Amino acid sequence: MTAGLLFSVFSAAFLSATLLVGVSEAALVVAATQPDAWPFGLFVAATAGNVLGAVVNFALGRTLLRFEHRRWFPVSPANRRKAEALFGLYGRPVLLFSWLPMIGDPLTLAAGLLRTPFAIFLVYVTLGKAARYAVLLWAWDAIAG
């Protein structure tokens, strides 16, 4: 497996957590179809990239919320309000669902905004995102295998 393929999966997962919707799953499956694919390496690259992207959202919530109305900002004000409501209702464990489309990015932003301790944020987000990629790779192996 080439380092370039791992970097591509990492990059797609990172961008998926910050700006783009859904490209990390497609990138992971395409990479898994390669003859020299290394599932564990792909899992680590995707998880690390997606968690790092969530950390960017966390930092935006912590420090850069004043840019919320800029076009490049990854979360709309309406989605942020929904995420804050979910966060308030279910607490920190809701970050296990940070991998979900449309709600995951606002949850990670809300965690920063609400001053969640970084270590707790990192544990919940990593567990949720890792579980998603593990299930995706397992499903791909079951289908393709």
N, C-alpha and C. Protein backbone atom coordinates (compact mmCIF):
# COMPACT_ATOMS: atom_id res chain seq x y z
N MET A 1 0.85 -1.17 0.00
CA MET A 1 0.00 0.00 0.00
C MET A 1 0.89 1.23 0.00
N THR A 2 0.54 2.16 -0.83
CA THR A 2 1.37 3.36 -0.94
C THR A 2 0.99 4.39 0.10
N ALA A 3 1.97 5.19 0.45
CA ALA A 3 1.73 6.29 1.39
C ALA A 3 0.76 7.28 0.78
N GLY A 4 0.81 7.42 -0.54
CA GLY A 4 -0.10 8.34 -1.21
C GLY A 4 -1.55 7.96 -1.03
N LEU A 5 -1.85 6.66 -1.07
CA LEU A 5 -3.22 6.20 -0.87
C LEU A 5 -3.68 6.48 0.56
N LEU A 6 -2.81 6.22 1.52
CA LEU A 6 -3.15 6.52 2.92
C LEU A 6 -3.36 8.02 3.11
N PHE A 7 -2.51 8.83 2.49
CA PHE A 7 -2.66 10.28 2.60
C PHE A 7 -3.96 10.75 1.95
N SER A 8 -4.34 10.13 0.85
CA SER A 8 -5.60 10.49 0.18
C SER A 8 -6.79 10.20 1.08
N VAL A 9 -6.78 9.05 1.73
CA VAL A 9 -7.87 8.70 2.65
C VAL A 9 -7.88 9.65 3.85
N PHE A 10 -6.70 9.92 4.40
CA PHE A 10 -6.59 10.87 5.51
C PHE A 10 -7.15 12.23 5.10
N SER A 11 -6.75 12.73 3.94
CA SER A 11 -7.18 14.05 3.47
C SER A 11 -8.68 14.10 3.24
N ALA A 12 -9.22 13.08 2.62
CA ALA A 12 -10.66 13.04 2.37
C ALA A 12 -11.43 13.03 3.69
N ALA A 13 -10.94 12.27 4.66
CA ALA A 13 -11.60 12.20 5.96
C ALA A 13 -11.50 13.54 6.69
N PHE A 14 -10.35 14.18 6.61
CA PHE A 14 -10.17 15.49 7.24
C PHE A 14 -11.14 16.51 6.63
N LEU A 15 -11.15 16.59 5.30
CA LEU A 15 -12.02 17.56 4.63
C LEU A 15 -13.49 17.24 4.88
N SER A 16 -13.82 15.98 4.97
CA SER A 16 -15.19 15.58 5.23
C SER A 16 -15.67 16.07 6.59
N ALA A 17 -14.77 16.11 7.54
CA ALA A 17 -15.13 16.57 8.89
C ALA A 17 -15.20 18.08 8.99
N THR A 18 -14.68 18.80 8.00
CA THR A 18 -14.66 20.25 8.10
C THR A 18 -15.47 20.94 7.01
N LEU A 19 -15.35 20.52 5.76
CA LEU A 19 -15.97 21.27 4.67
C LEU A 19 -16.88 20.44 3.76
N LEU A 20 -16.50 19.24 3.44
CA LEU A 20 -17.22 18.43 2.46
C LEU A 20 -18.10 17.40 3.15
N VAL A 21 -19.15 16.99 2.49
CA VAL A 21 -20.06 16.01 3.06
C VAL A 21 -19.86 14.66 2.39
N GLY A 22 -19.55 13.64 3.17
CA GLY A 22 -19.60 12.28 2.69
C GLY A 22 -18.47 11.75 1.84
N VAL A 23 -17.42 12.50 1.61
CA VAL A 23 -16.37 11.98 0.73
C VAL A 23 -15.48 10.96 1.43
N SER A 24 -15.41 10.96 2.73
CA SER A 24 -14.48 10.05 3.40
C SER A 24 -14.90 8.60 3.23
N GLU A 25 -16.19 8.32 3.29
CA GLU A 25 -16.65 6.94 3.12
C GLU A 25 -16.32 6.44 1.72
N ALA A 26 -16.59 7.26 0.72
CA ALA A 26 -16.29 6.88 -0.67
C ALA A 26 -14.80 6.67 -0.86
N ALA A 27 -13.99 7.56 -0.32
CA ALA A 27 -12.53 7.44 -0.46
C ALA A 27 -12.04 6.16 0.23
N LEU A 28 -12.60 5.85 1.37
CA LEU A 28 -12.18 4.65 2.10
C LEU A 28 -12.54 3.38 1.32
N VAL A 29 -13.73 3.33 0.78
CA VAL A 29 -14.15 2.14 0.02
C VAL A 29 -13.33 2.00 -1.26
N VAL A 30 -13.10 3.11 -1.96
CA VAL A 30 -12.28 3.04 -3.17
C VAL A 30 -10.88 2.55 -2.82
N ALA A 31 -10.31 3.07 -1.75
CA ALA A 31 -8.97 2.64 -1.34
C ALA A 31 -8.98 1.16 -0.95
N ALA A 32 -10.05 0.70 -0.33
CA ALA A 32 -10.14 -0.70 0.09
C ALA A 32 -10.22 -1.64 -1.11
N THR A 33 -10.61 -1.14 -2.26
CA THR A 33 -10.69 -1.99 -3.46
C THR A 33 -9.33 -2.22 -4.11
N GLN A 34 -8.33 -1.47 -3.70
CA GLN A 34 -7.01 -1.61 -4.31
C GLN A 34 -6.40 -2.95 -3.91
N PRO A 35 -5.69 -3.59 -4.84
CA PRO A 35 -5.14 -4.92 -4.55
C PRO A 35 -4.18 -4.94 -3.36
N ASP A 36 -3.48 -3.85 -3.13
CA ASP A 36 -2.52 -3.83 -2.03
C ASP A 36 -3.07 -3.11 -0.79
N ALA A 37 -4.39 -3.03 -0.69
CA ALA A 37 -5.03 -2.32 0.42
C ALA A 37 -4.64 -2.96 1.76
N TRP A 38 -4.41 -2.13 2.73
CA TRP A 38 -4.10 -2.55 4.09
C TRP A 38 -5.22 -2.00 4.98
N PRO A 39 -6.23 -2.80 5.30
CA PRO A 39 -7.41 -2.30 6.01
C PRO A 39 -7.10 -1.56 7.30
N PHE A 40 -6.15 -2.07 8.09
CA PHE A 40 -5.85 -1.38 9.35
C PHE A 40 -5.25 0.00 9.09
N GLY A 41 -4.35 0.09 8.11
CA GLY A 41 -3.77 1.39 7.76
C GLY A 41 -4.83 2.36 7.27
N LEU A 42 -5.76 1.86 6.45
CA LEU A 42 -6.86 2.70 5.97
C LEU A 42 -7.74 3.17 7.13
N PHE A 43 -8.02 2.25 8.05
CA PHE A 43 -8.82 2.58 9.24
C PHE A 43 -8.16 3.69 10.05
N VAL A 44 -6.87 3.55 10.31
CA VAL A 44 -6.14 4.55 11.10
C VAL A 44 -6.11 5.89 10.36
N ALA A 45 -5.83 5.86 9.06
CA ALA A 45 -5.75 7.11 8.28
C ALA A 45 -7.09 7.82 8.27
N ALA A 46 -8.17 7.09 8.02
CA ALA A 46 -9.50 7.71 7.97
C ALA A 46 -9.91 8.25 9.34
N THR A 47 -9.68 7.45 10.38
CA THR A 47 -10.06 7.89 11.73
C THR A 47 -9.25 9.12 12.14
N ALA A 48 -7.95 9.09 11.93
CA ALA A 48 -7.08 10.21 12.31
C ALA A 48 -7.47 11.47 11.55
N GLY A 49 -7.69 11.36 10.26
CA GLY A 49 -8.07 12.53 9.47
C GLY A 49 -9.39 13.11 9.91
N ASN A 50 -10.37 12.25 10.15
CA ASN A 50 -11.69 12.74 10.53
C ASN A 50 -11.69 13.33 11.93
N VAL A 51 -10.93 12.73 12.84
CA VAL A 51 -10.83 13.29 14.19
C VAL A 51 -10.12 14.64 14.15
N LEU A 52 -9.07 14.75 13.36
CA LEU A 52 -8.36 16.02 13.25
C LEU A 52 -9.29 17.10 12.68
N GLY A 53 -10.11 16.74 11.71
CA GLY A 53 -11.10 17.69 11.19
C GLY A 53 -12.08 18.13 12.27
N ALA A 54 -12.49 17.20 13.12
CA ALA A 54 -13.38 17.55 14.22
C ALA A 54 -12.69 18.48 15.21
N VAL A 55 -11.40 18.29 15.40
CA VAL A 55 -10.63 19.18 16.28
C VAL A 55 -10.62 20.60 15.72
N VAL A 56 -10.55 20.72 14.39
CA VAL A 56 -10.63 22.05 13.77
C VAL A 56 -11.98 22.69 14.10
N ASN A 57 -13.06 21.92 13.98
CA ASN A 57 -14.38 22.46 14.32
C ASN A 57 -14.45 22.86 15.79
N PHE A 58 -13.88 22.03 16.65
CA PHE A 58 -13.84 22.32 18.08
C PHE A 58 -13.13 23.66 18.31
N ALA A 59 -11.99 23.84 17.64
CA ALA A 59 -11.23 25.10 17.78
C ALA A 59 -12.02 26.28 17.24
N LEU A 60 -12.75 26.07 16.14
CA LEU A 60 -13.60 27.15 15.62
C LEU A 60 -14.63 27.55 16.66
N GLY A 61 -15.25 26.55 17.30
CA GLY A 61 -16.22 26.84 18.35
C GLY A 61 -15.60 27.53 19.54
N ARG A 62 -14.40 27.14 19.87
CA ARG A 62 -13.70 27.73 21.02
C ARG A 62 -13.30 29.18 20.78
N THR A 63 -12.83 29.46 19.56
CA THR A 63 -12.17 30.75 19.37
C THR A 63 -12.68 31.61 18.22
N LEU A 64 -13.29 31.01 17.21
CA LEU A 64 -13.56 31.77 15.99
C LEU A 64 -15.04 31.88 15.64
N LEU A 65 -15.92 31.78 16.61
CA LEU A 65 -17.35 31.84 16.33
C LEU A 65 -17.76 33.17 15.69
N ARG A 66 -16.97 34.17 15.87
CA ARG A 66 -17.30 35.48 15.28
C ARG A 66 -17.32 35.43 13.75
N PHE A 67 -16.76 34.37 13.17
CA PHE A 67 -16.75 34.21 11.72
C PHE A 67 -17.91 33.34 11.22
N GLU A 68 -18.86 33.08 12.09
CA GLU A 68 -19.95 32.15 11.78
C GLU A 68 -20.72 32.51 10.50
N HIS A 69 -20.83 33.75 10.17
CA HIS A 69 -21.63 34.15 9.01
C HIS A 69 -20.80 34.22 7.72
N ARG A 70 -19.56 33.82 7.78
CA ARG A 70 -18.73 33.77 6.57
C ARG A 70 -19.06 32.51 5.77
N ARG A 71 -18.92 32.59 4.48
CA ARG A 71 -19.28 31.48 3.60
C ARG A 71 -18.44 30.22 3.89
N TRP A 72 -17.19 30.39 4.26
CA TRP A 72 -16.31 29.24 4.47
C TRP A 72 -16.55 28.53 5.79
N PHE A 73 -17.29 29.16 6.69
CA PHE A 73 -17.52 28.57 8.01
C PHE A 73 -18.33 27.28 7.85
N PRO A 74 -17.88 26.16 8.45
CA PRO A 74 -18.46 24.85 8.13
C PRO A 74 -19.85 24.57 8.71
N VAL A 75 -20.37 25.42 9.57
CA VAL A 75 -21.64 25.14 10.24
C VAL A 75 -22.55 26.36 10.16
N SER A 76 -23.78 26.13 9.74
CA SER A 76 -24.75 27.23 9.67
C SER A 76 -25.23 27.57 11.08
N PRO A 77 -25.70 28.80 11.28
CA PRO A 77 -26.22 29.16 12.61
C PRO A 77 -27.38 28.26 13.04
N ALA A 78 -28.25 27.88 12.11
CA ALA A 78 -29.38 27.01 12.46
C ALA A 78 -28.90 25.63 12.92
N ASN A 79 -27.94 25.06 12.21
CA ASN A 79 -27.40 23.76 12.62
C ASN A 79 -26.66 23.85 13.93
N ARG A 80 -25.99 24.98 14.17
CA ARG A 80 -25.31 25.16 15.45
C ARG A 80 -26.31 25.15 16.60
N ARG A 81 -27.43 25.87 16.42
CA ARG A 81 -28.46 25.92 17.47
C ARG A 81 -29.03 24.52 17.74
N LYS A 82 -29.26 23.74 16.69
CA LYS A 82 -29.77 22.37 16.87
C LYS A 82 -28.76 21.52 17.64
N ALA A 83 -27.50 21.65 17.28
CA ALA A 83 -26.46 20.88 17.96
C ALA A 83 -26.35 21.27 19.43
N GLU A 84 -26.44 22.55 19.71
CA GLU A 84 -26.37 23.00 21.10
C GLU A 84 -27.55 22.44 21.90
N ALA A 85 -28.73 22.38 21.27
CA ALA A 85 -29.89 21.82 21.95
C ALA A 85 -29.68 20.33 22.25
N LEU A 86 -29.16 19.58 21.28
CA LEU A 86 -28.87 18.16 21.49
C LEU A 86 -27.81 17.97 22.57
N PHE A 87 -26.80 18.82 22.51
CA PHE A 87 -25.71 18.75 23.48
C PHE A 87 -26.26 19.01 24.87
N GLY A 88 -27.14 20.01 24.99
CA GLY A 88 -27.73 20.33 26.28
C GLY A 88 -28.64 19.22 26.80
N LEU A 89 -29.33 18.55 25.89
CA LEU A 89 -30.26 17.50 26.27
C LEU A 89 -29.56 16.20 26.67
N TYR A 90 -28.55 15.79 25.91
CA TYR A 90 -27.90 14.49 26.13
C TYR A 90 -26.51 14.56 26.74
N GLY A 91 -25.93 15.73 26.81
CA GLY A 91 -24.61 15.88 27.40
C GLY A 91 -23.49 15.43 26.48
N ARG A 92 -22.32 15.28 27.04
CA ARG A 92 -21.11 14.97 26.27
C ARG A 92 -21.15 13.66 25.48
N PRO A 93 -21.86 12.62 25.95
CA PRO A 93 -21.90 11.38 25.16
C PRO A 93 -22.51 11.56 23.76
N VAL A 94 -23.21 12.64 23.53
CA VAL A 94 -23.76 12.88 22.19
C VAL A 94 -22.64 13.01 21.16
N LEU A 95 -21.43 13.31 21.62
CA LEU A 95 -20.29 13.41 20.71
C LEU A 95 -19.94 12.07 20.06
N LEU A 96 -20.44 10.96 20.60
CA LEU A 96 -20.27 9.67 19.94
C LEU A 96 -20.90 9.68 18.55
N PHE A 97 -21.84 10.59 18.33
CA PHE A 97 -22.54 10.68 17.05
C PHE A 97 -22.00 11.80 16.16
N SER A 98 -20.79 12.23 16.45
CA SER A 98 -20.18 13.31 15.66
C SER A 98 -19.89 12.89 14.23
N TRP A 99 -20.00 11.62 13.92
CA TRP A 99 -19.77 11.12 12.56
C TRP A 99 -21.00 11.29 11.67
N LEU A 100 -22.15 11.58 12.26
CA LEU A 100 -23.38 11.67 11.47
C LEU A 100 -23.37 12.87 10.53
N PRO A 101 -23.84 12.67 9.31
CA PRO A 101 -23.94 13.80 8.37
C PRO A 101 -24.89 14.87 8.91
N MET A 102 -24.60 16.10 8.61
CA MET A 102 -25.42 17.27 8.92
C MET A 102 -25.42 17.66 10.40
N ILE A 103 -25.24 16.74 11.31
CA ILE A 103 -25.28 17.09 12.72
C ILE A 103 -23.92 16.95 13.39
N GLY A 104 -23.05 16.12 12.83
CA GLY A 104 -21.75 15.87 13.46
C GLY A 104 -20.87 17.10 13.56
N ASP A 105 -20.73 17.84 12.45
CA ASP A 105 -19.89 19.04 12.48
C ASP A 105 -20.43 20.07 13.48
N PRO A 106 -21.74 20.34 13.47
CA PRO A 106 -22.25 21.27 14.49
C PRO A 106 -22.03 20.78 15.92
N LEU A 107 -22.10 19.47 16.14
CA LEU A 107 -21.85 18.95 17.49
C LEU A 107 -20.42 19.25 17.94
N THR A 108 -19.46 19.04 17.04
CA THR A 108 -18.07 19.29 17.43
C THR A 108 -17.82 20.78 17.63
N LEU A 109 -18.49 21.61 16.85
CA LEU A 109 -18.39 23.06 17.03
C LEU A 109 -19.02 23.46 18.37
N ALA A 110 -20.20 22.90 18.66
CA ALA A 110 -20.88 23.20 19.92
C ALA A 110 -20.04 22.78 21.12
N ALA A 111 -19.33 21.65 20.99
CA ALA A 111 -18.46 21.19 22.09
C ALA A 111 -17.40 22.24 22.40
N GLY A 112 -16.83 22.83 21.36
CA GLY A 112 -15.85 23.89 21.59
C GLY A 112 -16.49 25.13 22.18
N LEU A 113 -17.63 25.49 21.63
CA LEU A 113 -18.35 26.67 22.10
C LEU A 113 -18.74 26.53 23.58
N LEU A 114 -19.14 25.31 23.96
CA LEU A 114 -19.58 25.05 25.32
C LEU A 114 -18.43 24.68 26.26
N ARG A 115 -17.20 24.84 25.78
CA ARG A 115 -16.00 24.64 26.59
C ARG A 115 -15.87 23.22 27.16
N THR A 116 -16.21 22.24 26.36
CA THR A 116 -16.01 20.85 26.75
C THR A 116 -14.52 20.62 26.95
N PRO A 117 -14.11 19.95 28.01
CA PRO A 117 -12.68 19.65 28.16
C PRO A 117 -12.18 18.86 26.95
N PHE A 118 -11.02 19.25 26.45
CA PHE A 118 -10.52 18.67 25.21
C PHE A 118 -10.33 17.16 25.30
N ALA A 119 -9.82 16.65 26.41
CA ALA A 119 -9.59 15.20 26.54
C ALA A 119 -10.90 14.43 26.43
N ILE A 120 -11.95 14.92 27.05
CA ILE A 120 -13.26 14.26 26.98
C ILE A 120 -13.79 14.32 25.54
N PHE A 121 -13.67 15.48 24.93
CA PHE A 121 -14.07 15.65 23.53
C PHE A 121 -13.35 14.62 22.65
N LEU A 122 -12.06 14.52 22.82
CA LEU A 122 -11.24 13.64 21.99
C LEU A 122 -11.63 12.17 22.15
N VAL A 123 -11.91 11.75 23.36
CA VAL A 123 -12.29 10.35 23.60
C VAL A 123 -13.61 10.03 22.90
N TYR A 124 -14.64 10.82 23.15
CA TYR A 124 -15.95 10.55 22.55
C TYR A 124 -15.92 10.62 21.02
N VAL A 125 -15.30 11.64 20.49
CA VAL A 125 -15.25 11.82 19.04
C VAL A 125 -14.46 10.68 18.39
N THR A 126 -13.33 10.32 18.98
CA THR A 126 -12.51 9.25 18.40
C THR A 126 -13.27 7.93 18.44
N LEU A 127 -13.93 7.61 19.53
CA LEU A 127 -14.70 6.37 19.61
C LEU A 127 -15.80 6.33 18.55
N GLY A 128 -16.53 7.41 18.41
CA GLY A 128 -17.62 7.44 17.43
C GLY A 128 -17.14 7.32 16.00
N LYS A 129 -16.13 8.08 15.67
CA LYS A 129 -15.62 8.08 14.29
C LYS A 129 -14.91 6.77 13.97
N ALA A 130 -14.17 6.21 14.93
CA ALA A 130 -13.49 4.93 14.70
C ALA A 130 -14.52 3.82 14.49
N ALA A 131 -15.58 3.83 15.28
CA ALA A 131 -16.62 2.81 15.13
C ALA A 131 -17.24 2.88 13.73
N ARG A 132 -17.49 4.07 13.23
CA ARG A 132 -18.06 4.22 11.90
C ARG A 132 -17.17 3.61 10.84
N TYR A 133 -15.87 3.93 10.86
CA TYR A 133 -14.95 3.40 9.85
C TYR A 133 -14.74 1.90 10.01
N ALA A 134 -14.74 1.40 11.24
CA ALA A 134 -14.61 -0.05 11.46
C ALA A 134 -15.80 -0.79 10.86
N VAL A 135 -16.99 -0.27 11.08
CA VAL A 135 -18.20 -0.90 10.52
C VAL A 135 -18.18 -0.82 9.00
N LEU A 136 -17.77 0.31 8.45
CA LEU A 136 -17.70 0.47 7.00
C LEU A 136 -16.72 -0.54 6.38
N LEU A 137 -15.53 -0.68 6.97
CA LEU A 137 -14.56 -1.64 6.45
C LEU A 137 -15.03 -3.07 6.63
N TRP A 138 -15.67 -3.37 7.75
CA TRP A 138 -16.22 -4.70 7.97
C TRP A 138 -17.29 -5.02 6.93
N ALA A 139 -18.19 -4.06 6.67
CA ALA A 139 -19.26 -4.26 5.68
C ALA A 139 -18.67 -4.45 4.28
N TRP A 140 -17.65 -3.65 3.95
CA TRP A 140 -17.01 -3.80 2.64
C TRP A 140 -16.38 -5.19 2.51
N ASP A 141 -15.72 -5.64 3.56
CA ASP A 141 -15.09 -6.95 3.53
C ASP A 141 -16.15 -8.05 3.38
N ALA A 142 -17.28 -7.89 4.06
CA ALA A 142 -18.34 -8.89 3.98
C ALA A 142 -18.95 -8.93 2.57
N ILE A 143 -19.06 -7.79 1.94
CA ILE A 143 -19.65 -7.72 0.59
C ILE A 143 -18.65 -8.19 -0.45
N ALA A 144 -17.42 -7.71 -0.35
CA ALA A 144 -16.41 -7.99 -1.38
C ALA A 144 -15.71 -9.34 -1.16
N GLY A 145 -15.70 -9.77 0.10
CA GLY A 145 -14.90 -10.92 0.48
C GLY A 145 -15.35 -12.20 -0.06
